[in-house]
N, C-alpha and C. Protein backbone atom coordinates (compact mmCIF):
# COMPACT_ATOMS: atom_id res chain seq x y z
N UNK A 1 -11.82 -11.60 -10.13
CA UNK A 1 -10.81 -11.38 -9.51
C UNK A 1 -10.46 -10.23 -9.52
N UNK A 2 -10.58 -9.57 -10.93
CA UNK A 2 -10.31 -8.30 -11.30
C UNK A 2 -11.47 -6.62 -10.55
N UNK A 3 -12.49 -7.72 -11.11
CA UNK A 3 -13.31 -6.66 -10.55
C UNK A 3 -13.23 -6.44 -9.21
N UNK A 4 -13.11 -7.60 -8.12
CA UNK A 4 -12.74 -7.54 -6.73
C UNK A 4 -11.58 -6.47 -6.37
N UNK A 5 -10.38 -6.53 -7.26
CA UNK A 5 -9.06 -5.71 -7.44
C UNK A 5 -9.43 -4.97 -7.40
N UNK A 6 -10.43 -3.99 -8.60
CA UNK A 6 -10.60 -3.07 -8.72
C UNK A 6 -11.02 -1.99 -8.01
N UNK A 7 -12.34 -2.52 -7.13
CA UNK A 7 -13.41 -2.16 -6.37
C UNK A 7 -12.62 -1.79 -5.24
N UNK A 8 -11.45 -2.51 -4.86
CA UNK A 8 -10.39 -2.53 -3.29
C UNK A 8 -9.42 -1.59 -3.74
N UNK A 9 -9.23 -1.56 -4.79
CA UNK A 9 -8.25 -0.67 -5.10
C UNK A 9 -8.97 0.79 -5.17
N UNK A 10 -9.92 1.31 -5.70
CA UNK A 10 -10.62 2.29 -5.50
C UNK A 10 -10.60 2.74 -4.09
N UNK A 11 -10.62 2.21 -3.11
CA UNK A 11 -11.11 2.22 -1.42
C UNK A 11 -8.94 3.09 -1.08
N UNK A 12 -8.13 2.16 -1.50
CA UNK A 12 -7.28 2.51 -1.59
C UNK A 12 -6.79 3.87 -1.83
N UNK A 13 -7.34 4.19 -3.40
CA UNK A 13 -7.24 5.36 -4.05
C UNK A 13 -7.86 6.57 -2.77
N UNK A 14 -9.23 6.26 -2.11
CA UNK A 14 -9.62 7.04 -1.20
C UNK A 14 -8.63 7.67 -0.26
N UNK A 15 -8.05 6.60 0.65
CA UNK A 15 -7.04 6.95 1.28
C UNK A 15 -6.01 7.80 0.56
N UNK A 16 -5.55 7.33 -0.62
CA UNK A 16 -4.67 8.23 -0.82
C UNK A 16 -4.78 9.83 -1.57
N UNK A 17 -6.04 9.97 -1.57
CA UNK A 17 -7.13 11.08 -1.95
C UNK A 17 -7.17 11.68 -0.73
N UNK A 18 -7.11 11.32 0.53
CA UNK A 18 -7.31 12.09 1.73
C UNK A 18 -5.62 11.81 2.55
N UNK A 19 -4.85 11.85 2.02
CA UNK A 19 -3.83 11.60 2.20
C UNK A 19 -3.37 13.23 1.23
N UNK A 20 -3.88 13.19 -0.10
CA UNK A 20 -3.44 14.86 -0.10
C UNK A 20 -4.11 15.83 -0.11
N UNK A 21 -5.03 15.50 0.52
CA UNK A 21 -5.60 16.34 1.37
C UNK A 21 -5.30 16.91 2.28
N UNK A 22 -4.26 16.24 2.90
CA UNK A 22 -2.92 16.65 3.91
C UNK A 22 -2.37 17.16 3.18
N UNK A 23 -1.57 17.29 2.30
CA UNK A 23 -0.41 17.60 1.76
C UNK A 23 0.45 16.47 2.42
N UNK A 24 0.24 15.56 2.32
CA UNK A 24 1.19 14.27 2.37
C UNK A 24 1.29 13.56 1.01
N UNK A 25 2.15 12.63 0.71
CA UNK A 25 2.49 12.07 -0.43
C UNK A 25 1.25 11.11 -0.52
N UNK A 26 0.69 11.28 -1.73
CA UNK A 26 -0.71 10.61 -2.01
C UNK A 26 -0.83 8.97 -2.05
N UNK A 27 -0.44 8.49 -0.81
CA UNK A 27 -0.18 7.01 -1.09
C UNK A 27 -1.30 6.34 -0.22
N UNK A 28 -1.93 6.23 -0.43
CA UNK A 28 -3.04 5.01 0.03
C UNK A 28 -3.16 3.16 0.02
N UNK A 29 -3.62 2.55 1.33
CA UNK A 29 -3.52 1.34 1.53
C UNK A 29 -5.01 0.85 1.82
N UNK A 30 -5.43 -0.32 1.89
CA UNK A 30 -6.44 -1.27 2.64
C UNK A 30 -5.66 -2.21 2.39
N UNK A 31 -6.41 -3.15 3.23
CA UNK A 31 -5.98 -4.55 4.07
C UNK A 31 -7.80 -5.46 4.02
N UNK A 32 -7.68 -6.18 3.68
CA UNK A 32 -9.01 -6.98 2.99
C UNK A 32 -9.16 -8.09 3.78
N UNK A 33 -9.91 -8.57 4.43
CA UNK A 33 -10.02 -10.28 4.66
C UNK A 33 -11.65 -10.24 4.68
N UNK A 34 -11.38 -11.88 3.98
CA UNK A 34 -13.08 -12.36 3.68
C UNK A 34 -14.54 -10.92 3.19
N UNK A 35 -13.50 -10.41 2.16
CA UNK A 35 -14.05 -9.63 1.68
C UNK A 35 -14.65 -8.54 1.77
N UNK A 36 -13.90 -7.80 3.45
CA UNK A 36 -13.96 -6.60 4.51
C UNK A 36 -13.01 -6.41 4.85
N UNK A 37 -13.23 -4.54 4.57
CA UNK A 37 -11.51 -3.69 4.82
C UNK A 37 -11.92 -3.97 6.38
N UNK A 38 -10.38 -4.22 6.75
CA UNK A 38 -10.02 -4.81 8.32
C UNK A 38 -9.12 -3.46 8.94
N UNK A 39 -8.27 -2.61 7.57
CA UNK A 39 -7.61 -1.91 8.05
C UNK A 39 -7.13 -0.73 6.58
N UNK A 40 -7.16 0.61 7.22
CA UNK A 40 -6.91 1.28 5.92
C UNK A 40 -5.78 2.62 6.19
N UNK A 41 -5.46 2.90 5.69
CA UNK A 41 -4.05 4.14 5.77
C UNK A 41 -3.54 4.65 5.10
N UNK A 42 -3.13 5.68 5.05
CA UNK A 42 -2.22 6.67 3.85
C UNK A 42 -1.27 7.01 4.81
N UNK A 43 -0.52 7.80 3.91
CA UNK A 43 0.88 8.77 4.38
C UNK A 43 0.60 9.42 5.58
N UNK A 44 0.96 9.52 6.29
CA UNK A 44 0.97 10.59 7.56
C UNK A 44 2.22 10.85 8.19
N UNK A 45 3.72 10.87 7.11
CA UNK A 45 4.76 10.99 7.95
C UNK A 45 4.96 12.36 7.71
N UNK A 46 4.25 13.64 7.21
CA UNK A 46 4.40 14.80 7.50
C UNK A 46 3.78 15.00 8.83
N UNK A 47 2.35 14.83 9.11
CA UNK A 47 1.89 15.15 10.46
C UNK A 47 2.24 14.20 11.75
N UNK A 48 2.88 13.80 11.62
CA UNK A 48 3.19 12.47 12.21
C UNK A 48 4.88 12.81 12.72
N UNK A 49 5.34 13.56 12.15
CA UNK A 49 7.08 13.97 11.77
C UNK A 49 7.54 12.36 11.48
N UNK A 50 7.36 11.45 11.05
CA UNK A 50 7.69 10.38 11.35
C UNK A 50 8.21 9.27 9.95
N UNK A 51 9.14 9.45 9.31
CA UNK A 51 9.56 8.83 8.03
C UNK A 51 9.03 7.32 8.22
N UNK A 52 8.54 6.48 8.84
CA UNK A 52 7.48 5.26 9.20
C UNK A 52 6.21 5.11 8.90
N UNK A 53 5.98 6.01 8.99
CA UNK A 53 4.13 6.47 8.80
C UNK A 53 3.64 6.05 7.39
N UNK A 54 4.26 4.99 6.71
CA UNK A 54 3.75 5.07 5.41
C UNK A 54 2.52 4.44 5.22
N UNK A 55 1.38 4.66 4.38
CA UNK A 55 0.31 3.53 4.34
C UNK A 55 0.39 2.35 4.68
N UNK A 56 1.12 1.66 4.08
CA UNK A 56 1.18 0.27 4.59
C UNK A 56 1.56 0.35 5.89
N UNK A 57 2.13 0.59 6.27
CA UNK A 57 2.34 0.56 8.05
C UNK A 57 1.15 0.87 8.56
N UNK A 58 0.37 2.47 8.17
CA UNK A 58 -0.38 2.72 9.01
C UNK A 58 -2.14 0.97 8.66
N UNK A 59 -2.14 0.82 7.75
CA UNK A 59 -3.24 0.03 7.16
C UNK A 59 -2.82 -1.65 7.95
N UNK A 60 -1.55 -1.89 8.31
CA UNK A 60 -1.05 -3.09 8.80
C UNK A 60 -1.22 -3.65 10.29
N UNK A 61 -0.67 -2.16 10.37
CA UNK A 61 -1.51 -1.48 12.32
C UNK A 61 -2.58 -1.89 12.66
N UNK A 62 -3.99 -1.00 11.51
CA UNK A 62 -5.13 -1.16 11.89
C UNK A 62 -5.39 -2.61 11.62
N UNK A 63 -5.30 -3.54 10.58
CA UNK A 63 -5.59 -4.63 10.12
C UNK A 63 -5.62 -5.72 11.49
N UNK A 64 -4.13 -5.10 12.27
CA UNK A 64 -3.41 -6.37 13.25
C UNK A 64 -4.66 -6.09 14.72
N UNK A 65 -4.94 -4.99 14.64
CA UNK A 65 -5.74 -4.32 15.93
C UNK A 65 -7.32 -4.75 15.72
N UNK A 66 -7.82 -4.95 14.29
CA UNK A 66 -9.04 -5.97 14.22
C UNK A 66 -9.25 -6.78 14.72
N UNK A 67 -7.61 -7.62 13.98
CA UNK A 67 -8.08 -9.29 14.21
C UNK A 67 -7.38 -9.65 15.52
N UNK A 68 -6.87 -8.53 16.46
CA UNK A 68 -6.42 -8.91 17.67
C UNK A 68 -5.18 -9.82 17.81
N UNK A 69 -4.31 -9.80 16.35
CA UNK A 69 -3.11 -9.99 16.49
C UNK A 69 -2.32 -9.60 15.58
N UNK A 70 -0.96 -9.91 15.64
CA UNK A 70 0.28 -9.69 14.17
C UNK A 70 -0.02 -10.02 13.09
N UNK A 71 -0.62 -11.43 12.69
CA UNK A 71 0.12 -12.00 11.63
C UNK A 71 -1.86 -11.87 11.02
N UNK A 72 -1.49 -11.30 9.48
CA UNK A 72 -2.47 -11.03 8.98
C UNK A 72 -2.97 -12.23 6.97
N UNK A 73 -2.68 -13.63 8.00
CA UNK A 73 -2.49 -14.63 6.96
C UNK A 73 -3.83 -14.52 6.28
N UNK A 74 -3.97 -14.69 5.26
CA UNK A 74 -5.36 -14.88 4.32
C UNK A 74 -6.10 -13.13 4.29
N UNK A 75 -5.15 -12.12 4.30
CA UNK A 75 -5.62 -11.36 3.94
C UNK A 75 -5.16 -10.19 3.01
N UNK A 76 -5.40 -9.60 2.24
CA UNK A 76 -4.62 -9.11 0.70
C UNK A 76 -4.35 -7.32 1.20
N UNK A 77 -3.40 -7.11 1.23
CA UNK A 77 -2.95 -5.97 1.07
C UNK A 77 -3.15 -4.95 -0.14
N UNK A 78 -4.05 -3.82 -0.79
CA UNK A 78 -4.11 -2.91 -1.58
C UNK A 78 -3.05 -1.71 -1.39
N UNK A 79 -2.30 -1.57 -2.19
CA UNK A 79 -1.87 0.09 -1.97
C UNK A 79 -1.66 0.49 -3.79
N UNK A 80 -1.83 1.79 -3.58
CA UNK A 80 -1.72 2.50 -4.53
C UNK A 80 -0.25 2.10 -5.48
N UNK A 81 0.78 2.75 -5.00
CA UNK A 81 2.33 2.60 -4.85
C UNK A 81 2.49 1.24 -4.83
N UNK A 82 3.63 0.67 -5.26
CA UNK A 82 4.59 -0.08 -5.27
C UNK A 82 5.12 0.07 -3.77
N UNK A 83 5.25 -0.83 -3.09
CA UNK A 83 6.00 -0.87 -1.32
C UNK A 83 7.20 -0.57 -1.31
N UNK A 84 7.52 0.30 -0.29
CA UNK A 84 9.08 0.65 -0.50
C UNK A 84 9.79 -0.56 0.32
N UNK A 85 11.15 -0.62 0.65
CA UNK A 85 11.94 -2.18 1.00
C UNK A 85 11.29 -2.24 2.85
N UNK A 86 11.09 -0.66 3.34
CA UNK A 86 10.82 -1.09 4.55
C UNK A 86 9.78 -1.78 4.47
N UNK A 87 8.23 -1.14 3.76
CA UNK A 87 7.00 -1.48 4.15
C UNK A 87 7.18 -3.37 3.60
N UNK A 88 8.08 -3.40 2.68
CA UNK A 88 7.87 -4.96 1.62
C UNK A 88 8.30 -5.70 2.87
N UNK A 89 8.81 -5.22 3.90
CA UNK A 89 9.58 -5.99 5.04
C UNK A 89 8.38 -6.59 6.24
N UNK A 90 7.95 -5.41 6.70
CA UNK A 90 7.04 -5.39 7.66
C UNK A 90 5.13 -6.23 6.98
N UNK A 91 5.34 -5.77 5.10
CA UNK A 91 4.49 -7.10 4.57
C UNK A 91 4.38 -8.56 5.46
N UNK A 92 5.70 -8.83 4.58
CA UNK A 92 6.41 -10.12 4.87
C UNK A 92 6.55 -10.66 6.15
N UNK A 93 6.80 -9.64 7.52
CA UNK A 93 6.77 -10.48 8.79
C UNK A 93 5.20 -10.30 9.20
N UNK A 94 4.17 -9.69 8.68
CA UNK A 94 2.86 -9.41 8.72
C UNK A 94 1.95 -10.57 8.10
N UNK A 95 3.12 -11.41 7.43
CA UNK A 95 2.22 -13.28 6.35
C UNK A 95 1.12 -12.07 5.28
N UNK A 96 1.22 -11.14 5.04
CA UNK A 96 -0.15 -10.98 4.34
C UNK A 96 0.12 -11.86 2.81
N UNK A 97 -0.88 -12.70 2.73
CA UNK A 97 -1.36 -13.53 1.85
C UNK A 97 -0.93 -12.95 0.32
N UNK A 98 -1.51 -11.87 -0.24
CA UNK A 98 -1.43 -11.48 -1.20
C UNK A 98 -1.31 -9.87 -1.22
N UNK A 99 -0.66 -9.36 -2.31
CA UNK A 99 -0.13 -8.14 -2.18
C UNK A 99 -0.56 -7.42 -3.75
N UNK A 100 -1.53 -6.76 -3.63
CA UNK A 100 -1.70 -5.55 -4.85
C UNK A 100 -1.55 -4.76 -4.89
N UNK A 101 -0.31 -3.66 -6.20
CA UNK A 101 -0.59 -2.68 -6.00
C UNK A 101 -0.33 -1.99 -7.77
N UNK A 102 -0.83 -0.50 -7.55
CA UNK A 102 -1.45 0.06 -8.91
C UNK A 102 -0.13 0.51 -9.28
N UNK A 103 0.97 1.25 -9.39
CA UNK A 103 2.04 2.01 -10.25
C UNK A 103 3.03 1.54 -9.36
N UNK A 104 3.79 1.16 -9.94
CA UNK A 104 5.50 1.01 -9.71
C UNK A 104 6.08 1.91 -9.56
N UNK A 105 7.22 1.82 -8.43
CA UNK A 105 7.93 2.91 -7.94
C UNK A 105 9.82 2.85 -8.47
N UNK A 106 9.78 3.20 -9.33
CA UNK A 106 11.30 2.89 -9.90
C UNK A 106 12.33 3.72 -9.10
N UNK A 107 12.03 4.59 -8.59
CA UNK A 107 12.73 5.64 -7.67
C UNK A 107 13.67 4.88 -6.32
N UNK A 108 11.84 3.90 -5.71
CA UNK A 108 12.23 3.37 -3.71
C UNK A 108 11.62 2.02 -3.90
N UNK A 109 10.39 1.54 -4.96
CA UNK A 109 9.93 0.32 -4.92
C UNK A 109 10.99 -0.80 -4.39
N UNK A 110 10.13 -1.78 -3.94
CA UNK A 110 11.09 -3.01 -3.71
C UNK A 110 11.84 -3.78 -4.60
N UNK A 111 11.12 -3.39 -5.74
CA UNK A 111 11.77 -4.19 -6.71
C UNK A 111 13.60 -3.88 -7.20
N UNK A 112 13.74 -3.11 -6.79
CA UNK A 112 14.94 -1.87 -7.23
C UNK A 112 16.11 -2.98 -6.27
N UNK A 113 15.68 -3.46 -5.02
CA UNK A 113 16.68 -3.43 -4.13
C UNK A 113 16.26 -5.45 -3.78
N UNK A 114 15.23 -6.32 -4.84
CA UNK A 114 15.37 -7.51 -4.51
C UNK A 114 14.44 -7.99 -5.79
N UNK A 115 16.24 -7.77 -6.81
CA UNK A 115 15.47 -8.50 -8.11
C UNK A 115 15.37 -9.77 -8.20
N UNK A 116 15.92 -10.64 -7.62
CA UNK A 116 15.64 -11.87 -8.11
C UNK A 116 14.67 -12.76 -7.06
N UNK A 117 14.14 -12.17 -5.94
CA UNK A 117 13.30 -12.69 -5.23
C UNK A 117 12.47 -11.78 -4.36
N UNK A 118 11.18 -12.27 -3.83
CA UNK A 118 9.89 -11.26 -3.33
C UNK A 118 10.92 -10.97 -1.61
N UNK A 119 10.34 -9.77 -1.16
CA UNK A 119 10.76 -9.82 0.10
C UNK A 119 9.83 -9.89 1.22
N UNK A 120 8.17 -10.38 0.06
CA UNK A 120 7.05 -11.53 1.26
C UNK A 120 7.30 -12.54 1.63
N UNK A 121 6.15 -12.77 2.33
CA UNK A 121 6.16 -14.02 3.07
C UNK A 121 6.14 -15.22 1.86
N UNK A 122 6.73 -16.38 2.11
CA UNK A 122 7.09 -17.17 0.89
C UNK A 122 6.08 -17.60 -0.07
N UNK A 123 4.80 -17.71 0.21
CA UNK A 123 3.79 -18.26 -0.27
C UNK A 123 2.53 -17.22 -0.46
N UNK A 124 3.23 -15.74 -0.09
CA UNK A 124 2.41 -14.56 -1.03
C UNK A 124 2.56 -14.54 -2.36
N UNK A 125 1.29 -14.23 -2.82
CA UNK A 125 1.12 -13.65 -4.30
C UNK A 125 1.09 -11.93 -4.54
N UNK A 126 1.56 -11.78 -5.53
CA UNK A 126 1.33 -10.21 -6.21
C UNK A 126 1.18 -10.28 -7.17
N UNK A 127 0.19 -8.90 -7.78
CA UNK A 127 -0.55 -8.43 -8.30
C UNK A 127 -0.52 -7.16 -8.80
N UNK A 128 0.43 -6.86 -10.11
CA UNK A 128 0.76 -5.39 -10.35
C UNK A 128 0.35 -4.38 -11.00
N UNK A 129 -0.16 -3.73 -11.25
CA UNK A 129 -0.61 -2.79 -12.26
C UNK A 129 -2.28 -3.02 -12.31
N UNK A 130 -3.26 -2.81 -11.32
CA UNK A 130 -4.12 -2.48 -10.73
C UNK A 130 -4.91 -1.36 -11.10
N UNK A 131 -5.22 -0.60 -12.18
CA UNK A 131 -5.79 0.76 -12.00
C UNK A 131 -4.24 1.74 -12.20
N UNK A 132 -3.71 1.02 -12.61
CA UNK A 132 -1.74 1.89 -12.86
C UNK A 132 -2.25 3.56 -13.11
N UNK A 133 -2.84 3.45 -13.96
CA UNK A 133 -2.90 4.46 -14.79
C UNK A 133 -3.13 5.76 -13.43
N UNK A 134 -4.25 5.47 -12.94
CA UNK A 134 -5.15 6.74 -12.10
C UNK A 134 -3.45 6.24 -10.85
N UNK A 135 -3.30 5.67 -10.52
CA UNK A 135 -2.43 5.34 -9.31
C UNK A 135 -1.50 6.26 -9.36
N UNK A 136 -0.37 6.02 -10.78
CA UNK A 136 0.52 6.94 -10.95
C UNK A 136 0.34 8.24 -11.02
N UNK A 137 -0.97 8.64 -12.19
CA UNK A 137 -1.19 10.17 -12.18
C UNK A 137 -1.52 10.60 -10.84
N UNK A 138 -2.22 10.31 -9.64
CA UNK A 138 -2.08 11.23 -8.67
C UNK A 138 -0.71 11.12 -7.87
N UNK A 139 0.24 10.45 -8.39
CA UNK A 139 1.76 10.65 -7.37
C UNK A 139 2.41 11.69 -8.58
N UNK A 140 2.31 11.49 -10.14
CA UNK A 140 3.22 12.43 -10.90
C UNK A 140 2.31 13.73 -10.63
N UNK A 141 1.46 14.35 -10.66
CA UNK A 141 0.63 15.22 -10.59
C UNK A 141 0.90 15.78 -9.01
N UNK A 142 0.93 15.37 -8.44
CA UNK A 142 0.94 15.69 -6.91
C UNK A 142 3.19 16.50 -6.98
N UNK A 143 3.60 15.74 -7.27
CA UNK A 143 5.12 16.08 -7.44
C UNK A 143 5.48 17.14 -8.78
N UNK A 144 4.61 17.21 -9.73
CA UNK A 144 4.32 18.21 -10.57
C UNK A 144 4.01 19.41 -10.04
N UNK A 145 2.97 19.70 -9.40
CA UNK A 145 2.67 20.66 -8.25
C UNK A 145 3.49 21.41 -7.02
N UNK A 146 4.47 20.55 -6.49
CA UNK A 146 5.05 20.40 -6.21
C UNK A 146 6.21 21.20 -6.35
N UNK A 147 6.84 21.31 -7.71
CA UNK A 147 7.90 21.67 -8.64
C UNK A 147 7.46 23.32 -8.60
N UNK A 148 6.20 23.23 -8.99
CA UNK A 148 5.57 24.67 -9.67
C UNK A 148 6.28 26.07 -9.15
């Protein structure tokens, strides 16, 4: 499973790179079902002037469109940074079975607001830290460049 998680996290990192190329906060996400990417997204908050246009939201919308329904059971979300509380709620409502993320977000990550339990579907599992260093470096470098 580790090799597969790293493979799909690299797809999410490619989405994050696409966000970076558009001067968006470089976070990327892909949703996988039966070994196939069915949804992908990256932050589009600046381009769309929409604070809800996070990578996870874009990927959920694309995956639901691909499957033709709003529930994404038996799917795995790969996202480069820990979901925020808004995205965690959407992930829960979509019933995604597995959430895999790279870097923790100690400022806005869902764990800050839900320390006792996860906000996802009760049967969902979470795997944190896949390609953590690469995911974290992308974000850190983006904000360091902004502060120059």
